[in-house]
Amino acid sequence: MSTRPGRPVRLVLTPRAGRPPRVPLLAFIHQRPEFRAAVRDAGGGRTGGRPGFSDAVIIAVVAQGLLPGLFSLLQSWVDQQRTEASIRIQVGDAEVEVQVNGRTDATKLLDQATRALRQAGGVGAALPDQPDQPGPAGPAGPAA
């Protein structure tokens, strides 16, 4: 299998369903124009998902260059809603799942996903490398 750096990444975002969110995750993501066309509700009225997770599953197929921004948005939403989310990430034949909670660092989330994908499917440079210094995503937020 040849892994091209520009290959799109498919993500399944599943927010926790502790209580109804003040702002639904999809609406929060769609505030950024670059994600409106690529991120959508999975639809189909699925039921019987994983315990503790809502049926509001969101599908995203995005260019790898957009992942840091998407992960940063997801982390901001998790922090604001004081909840958790699950991200299933697929590049080619490799797939991994990572959990996002209030203690997750958005800049390290992509690194964690990259390492897991490399271990799961031998993916070489499937995802963009992260710089050693924090990006312009802003402060990590208050400690709980």
C-alpha atoms as a PDB file:
ATOM      1  CA  MET A   1       0.000   0.000   0.000  1.00  0.00           C
ATOM      2  CA  SER A   2       1.333   3.416  -0.932  1.00  0.00           C
ATOM      3  CA  THR A   3       0.533   6.197   1.526  1.00  0.00           C
ATOM      4  CA  ARG A   4       0.452   9.630  -0.064  1.00  0.00           C
ATOM      5  CA  PRO A   5       0.806  12.670   2.238  1.00  0.00           C
ATOM      6  CA  GLY A   6      -2.209  14.324   0.555  1.00  0.00           C
ATOM      7  CA  ARG A   7      -4.528  11.366   1.055  1.00  0.00           C
ATOM      8  CA  PRO A   8      -7.776  12.367   2.786  1.00  0.00           C
ATOM      9  CA  VAL A   9      -8.391  11.205   6.332  1.00  0.00           C
ATOM     10  CA  ARG A  10     -11.783   9.828   7.353  1.00  0.00           C
ATOM     11  CA  LEU A  11     -12.895  10.543  10.897  1.00  0.00           C
ATOM     12  CA  VAL A  12     -15.937   9.499  12.886  1.00  0.00           C
ATOM     13  CA  LEU A  13     -16.557  11.902  15.777  1.00  0.00           C
ATOM     14  CA  THR A  14     -18.854  10.624  18.516  1.00  0.00           C
ATOM     15  CA  PRO A  15     -19.649  13.054  21.355  1.00  0.00           C
ATOM     16  CA  ARG A  16     -20.551  11.848  24.838  1.00  0.00           C
ATOM     17  CA  ALA A  17     -24.224  12.107  25.760  1.00  0.00           C
ATOM     18  CA  GLY A  18     -24.080  13.142  29.407  1.00  0.00           C
ATOM     19  CA  ARG A  19     -26.526  15.992  28.942  1.00  0.00           C
ATOM     20  CA  PRO A  20     -27.686  17.918  25.886  1.00  0.00           C
ATOM     21  CA  PRO A  21     -24.852  20.189  24.742  1.00  0.00           C
ATOM     22  CA  ARG A  22     -25.342  23.948  24.747  1.00  0.00           C
ATOM     23  CA  VAL A  23     -23.943  23.973  21.216  1.00  0.00           C
ATOM     24  CA  PRO A  24     -24.094  20.728  19.201  1.00  0.00           C
ATOM     25  CA  LEU A  25     -20.682  19.569  17.985  1.00  0.00           C
ATOM     26  CA  LEU A  26     -21.654  19.729  14.312  1.00  0.00           C
ATOM     27  CA  ALA A  27     -22.865  23.326  14.645  1.00  0.00           C
ATOM     28  CA  PHE A  28     -19.663  24.212  16.501  1.00  0.00           C
ATOM     29  CA  ILE A  29     -17.479  22.732  13.755  1.00  0.00           C
ATOM     30  CA  HIS A  30     -19.540  24.360  11.000  1.00  0.00           C
ATOM     31  CA  GLN A  31     -18.724  27.803  12.396  1.00  0.00           C
ATOM     32  CA  ARG A  32     -15.461  27.388  10.486  1.00  0.00           C
ATOM     33  CA  PRO A  33     -16.132  27.576   6.712  1.00  0.00           C
ATOM     34  CA  GLU A  34     -13.345  25.163   5.769  1.00  0.00           C
ATOM     35  CA  PHE A  35     -15.190  22.323   7.529  1.00  0.00           C
ATOM     36  CA  ARG A  36     -18.769  22.931   6.331  1.00  0.00           C
ATOM     37  CA  ALA A  37     -18.572  20.759   3.222  1.00  0.00           C
ATOM     38  CA  ALA A  38     -16.331  18.046   4.673  1.00  0.00           C
ATOM     39  CA  VAL A  39     -18.023  17.432   8.030  1.00  0.00           C
ATOM     40  CA  ARG A  40     -21.590  16.135   8.196  1.00  0.00           C
ATOM     41  CA  ASP A  41     -24.052  14.319  10.404  1.00  0.00           C
ATOM     42  CA  ALA A  42     -23.900  10.577   9.819  1.00  0.00           C
ATOM     43  CA  GLY A  43     -27.724  10.609   9.721  1.00  0.00           C
ATOM     44  CA  GLY A  44     -29.814   7.533   9.408  1.00  0.00           C
ATOM     45  CA  GLY A  45     -31.212   7.846  12.955  1.00  0.00           C
ATOM     46  CA  ARG A  46     -28.887   5.183  14.282  1.00  0.00           C
ATOM     47  CA  THR A  47     -29.653   3.795  17.688  1.00  0.00           C
ATOM     48  CA  GLY A  48     -27.979   1.329  19.976  1.00  0.00           C
ATOM     49  CA  GLY A  49     -24.513   2.840  19.763  1.00  0.00           C
ATOM     50  CA  ARG A  50     -21.842   2.459  22.407  1.00  0.00           C
ATOM     51  CA  PRO A  51     -23.108   2.967  25.961  1.00  0.00           C
ATOM     52  CA  GLY A  52     -22.604   6.554  27.111  1.00  0.00           C
ATOM     53  CA  PHE A  53     -22.229   7.909  23.609  1.00  0.00           C
ATOM     54  CA  SER A  54     -24.908   9.784  21.729  1.00  0.00           C
ATOM     55  CA  ASP A  55     -26.327   8.880  18.355  1.00  0.00           C
ATOM     56  CA  ALA A  56     -25.048  12.221  17.029  1.00  0.00           C
ATOM     57  CA  VAL A  57     -22.240  10.633  15.075  1.00  0.00           C
ATOM     58  CA  ILE A  58     -20.380  12.978  12.763  1.00  0.00           C
ATOM     59  CA  ILE A  59     -18.451  11.908   9.679  1.00  0.00           C
ATOM     60  CA  ALA A  60     -15.549  13.957   8.356  1.00  0.00           C
ATOM     61  CA  VAL A  61     -13.371  13.372   5.334  1.00  0.00           C
ATOM     62  CA  VAL A  62     -10.733  16.078   5.372  1.00  0.00           C
ATOM     63  CA  ALA A  63      -7.347  16.857   3.932  1.00  0.00           C
ATOM     64  CA  GLN A  64      -4.581  15.986   6.341  1.00  0.00           C
ATOM     65  CA  GLY A  65      -3.547  19.639   6.535  1.00  0.00           C
ATOM     66  CA  LEU A  66      -6.902  20.461   8.176  1.00  0.00           C
ATOM     67  CA  LEU A  67      -6.529  17.918  10.996  1.00  0.00           C
ATOM     68  CA  PRO A  68      -4.756  20.222  13.473  1.00  0.00           C
ATOM     69  CA  GLY A  69      -7.559  22.787  13.130  1.00  0.00           C
ATOM     70  CA  LEU A  70     -10.277  20.139  13.428  1.00  0.00           C
ATOM     71  CA  PHE A  71      -8.647  18.575  16.497  1.00  0.00           C
ATOM     72  CA  SER A  72      -8.272  22.024  18.057  1.00  0.00           C
ATOM     73  CA  LEU A  73     -11.973  22.737  17.441  1.00  0.00           C
ATOM     74  CA  LEU A  74     -12.969  19.391  18.922  1.00  0.00           C
ATOM     75  CA  GLN A  75     -10.839  20.044  21.998  1.00  0.00           C
ATOM     76  CA  SER A  76     -12.390  23.503  22.436  1.00  0.00           C
ATOM     77  CA  TRP A  77     -15.889  22.013  22.207  1.00  0.00           C
ATOM     78  CA  VAL A  78     -15.036  19.271  24.726  1.00  0.00           C
ATOM     79  CA  ASP A  79     -13.627  21.884  27.123  1.00  0.00           C
ATOM     80  CA  GLN A  80     -16.658  24.186  26.783  1.00  0.00           C
ATOM     81  CA  GLN A  81     -19.203  21.393  27.149  1.00  0.00           C
ATOM     82  CA  ARG A  82     -17.246  19.681  29.934  1.00  0.00           C
ATOM     83  CA  THR A  83     -17.730  16.359  28.195  1.00  0.00           C
ATOM     84  CA  GLU A  84     -15.818  13.782  26.162  1.00  0.00           C
ATOM     85  CA  ALA A  85     -15.718  12.534  22.591  1.00  0.00           C
ATOM     86  CA  SER A  86     -14.371   9.592  20.668  1.00  0.00           C
ATOM     87  CA  ILE A  87     -12.547   9.958  17.341  1.00  0.00           C
ATOM     88  CA  ARG A  88     -12.137   7.011  15.000  1.00  0.00           C
ATOM     89  CA  ILE A  89      -9.486   7.899  12.429  1.00  0.00           C
ATOM     90  CA  GLN A  90      -8.949   5.995   9.191  1.00  0.00           C
ATOM     91  CA  VAL A  91      -6.152   6.469   6.674  1.00  0.00           C
ATOM     92  CA  GLY A  92      -6.184   3.832   3.955  1.00  0.00           C
ATOM     93  CA  ASP A  93      -6.546   0.459   5.625  1.00  0.00           C
ATOM     94  CA  ALA A  94      -5.312   1.593   9.061  1.00  0.00           C
ATOM     95  CA  GLU A  95      -7.845   2.685  11.684  1.00  0.00           C
ATOM     96  CA  VAL A  96      -7.474   3.798  15.303  1.00  0.00           C
ATOM     97  CA  GLU A  97      -9.708   5.287  17.962  1.00  0.00           C
ATOM     98  CA  VAL A  98      -8.695   7.964  20.453  1.00  0.00           C
ATOM     99  CA  GLN A  99     -10.627   9.497  23.326  1.00  0.00           C
ATOM    100  CA  VAL A 100     -10.769  13.249  23.907  1.00  0.00           C
ATOM    101  CA  ASN A 101     -11.554  14.681  27.331  1.00  0.00           C
ATOM    102  CA  GLY A 102     -10.861  17.874  29.250  1.00  0.00           C
ATOM    103  CA  ARG A 103      -7.297  16.774  29.975  1.00  0.00           C
ATOM    104  CA  THR A 104      -6.411  16.038  26.359  1.00  0.00           C
ATOM    105  CA  ASP A 105      -3.916  18.428  24.796  1.00  0.00           C
ATOM    106  CA  ALA A 106      -5.048  19.310  21.261  1.00  0.00           C
ATOM    107  CA  THR A 107      -1.479  19.563  19.968  1.00  0.00           C
ATOM    108  CA  LYS A 108      -0.648  16.089  21.289  1.00  0.00           C
ATOM    109  CA  LEU A 109      -3.883  14.535  20.000  1.00  0.00           C
ATOM    110  CA  LEU A 110      -2.634  14.477  16.410  1.00  0.00           C
ATOM    111  CA  ASP A 111       0.693  13.040  17.540  1.00  0.00           C
ATOM    112  CA  GLN A 112      -1.111  10.289  19.473  1.00  0.00           C
ATOM    113  CA  ALA A 113      -3.274   9.487  16.438  1.00  0.00           C
ATOM    114  CA  THR A 114      -0.238   9.437  14.140  1.00  0.00           C
ATOM    115  CA  ARG A 115       1.682   7.040  16.392  1.00  0.00           C
ATOM    116  CA  ALA A 116      -1.334   4.751  16.765  1.00  0.00           C
ATOM    117  CA  LEU A 117      -1.926   4.667  13.002  1.00  0.00           C
ATOM    118  CA  ARG A 118       1.719   3.862  12.352  1.00  0.00           C
ATOM    119  CA  GLN A 119       1.553   0.970  14.821  1.00  0.00           C
ATOM    120  CA  ALA A 120      -1.818  -0.282  13.561  1.00  0.00           C
ATOM    121  CA  GLY A 121      -1.099  -0.341   9.868  1.00  0.00           C
ATOM    122  CA  GLY A 122       2.513   0.418   9.300  1.00  0.00           C
ATOM    123  CA  VAL A 123       1.520   3.823   7.971  1.00  0.00           C
ATOM    124  CA  GLY A 124       4.687   5.812   7.360  1.00  0.00           C
ATOM    125  CA  ALA A 125       3.977   9.492   6.896  1.00  0.00           C
ATOM    126  CA  ALA A 126       0.198   9.196   6.841  1.00  0.00           C
ATOM    127  CA  LEU A 127      -0.474  12.245   8.962  1.00  0.00           C
ATOM    128  CA  PRO A 128       1.380  15.537   9.104  1.00  0.00           C
ATOM    129  CA  ASP A 129       4.140  15.851  11.671  1.00  0.00           C
ATOM    130  CA  GLN A 130       3.504  18.155  14.600  1.00  0.00           C
ATOM    131  CA  PRO A 131       5.947  20.879  15.533  1.00  0.00           C
ATOM    132  CA  ASP A 132       7.722  20.577  18.861  1.00  0.00           C
ATOM    133  CA  GLN A 133       6.276  23.874  20.020  1.00  0.00           C
ATOM    134  CA  PRO A 134       2.597  24.656  20.605  1.00  0.00           C
ATOM    135  CA  GLY A 135       0.667  26.062  17.672  1.00  0.00           C
ATOM    136  CA  PRO A 136      -1.569  29.119  17.542  1.00  0.00           C
ATOM    137  CA  ALA A 137      -4.511  27.246  19.062  1.00  0.00           C
ATOM    138  CA  GLY A 138      -4.367  29.364  22.201  1.00  0.00           C
ATOM    139  CA  PRO A 139      -3.918  28.511  25.847  1.00  0.00           C
ATOM    140  CA  ALA A 140      -4.702  25.045  27.096  1.00  0.00           C
ATOM    141  CA  GLY A 141      -7.383  26.407  29.391  1.00  0.00           C
ATOM    142  CA  PRO A 142      -7.851  26.394  33.153  1.00  0.00           C
ATOM    143  CA  ALA A 143      -6.969  23.359  35.164  1.00  0.00           C
ATOM    144  CA  ALA A 144      -9.929  21.514  36.627  1.00  0.00           C
END
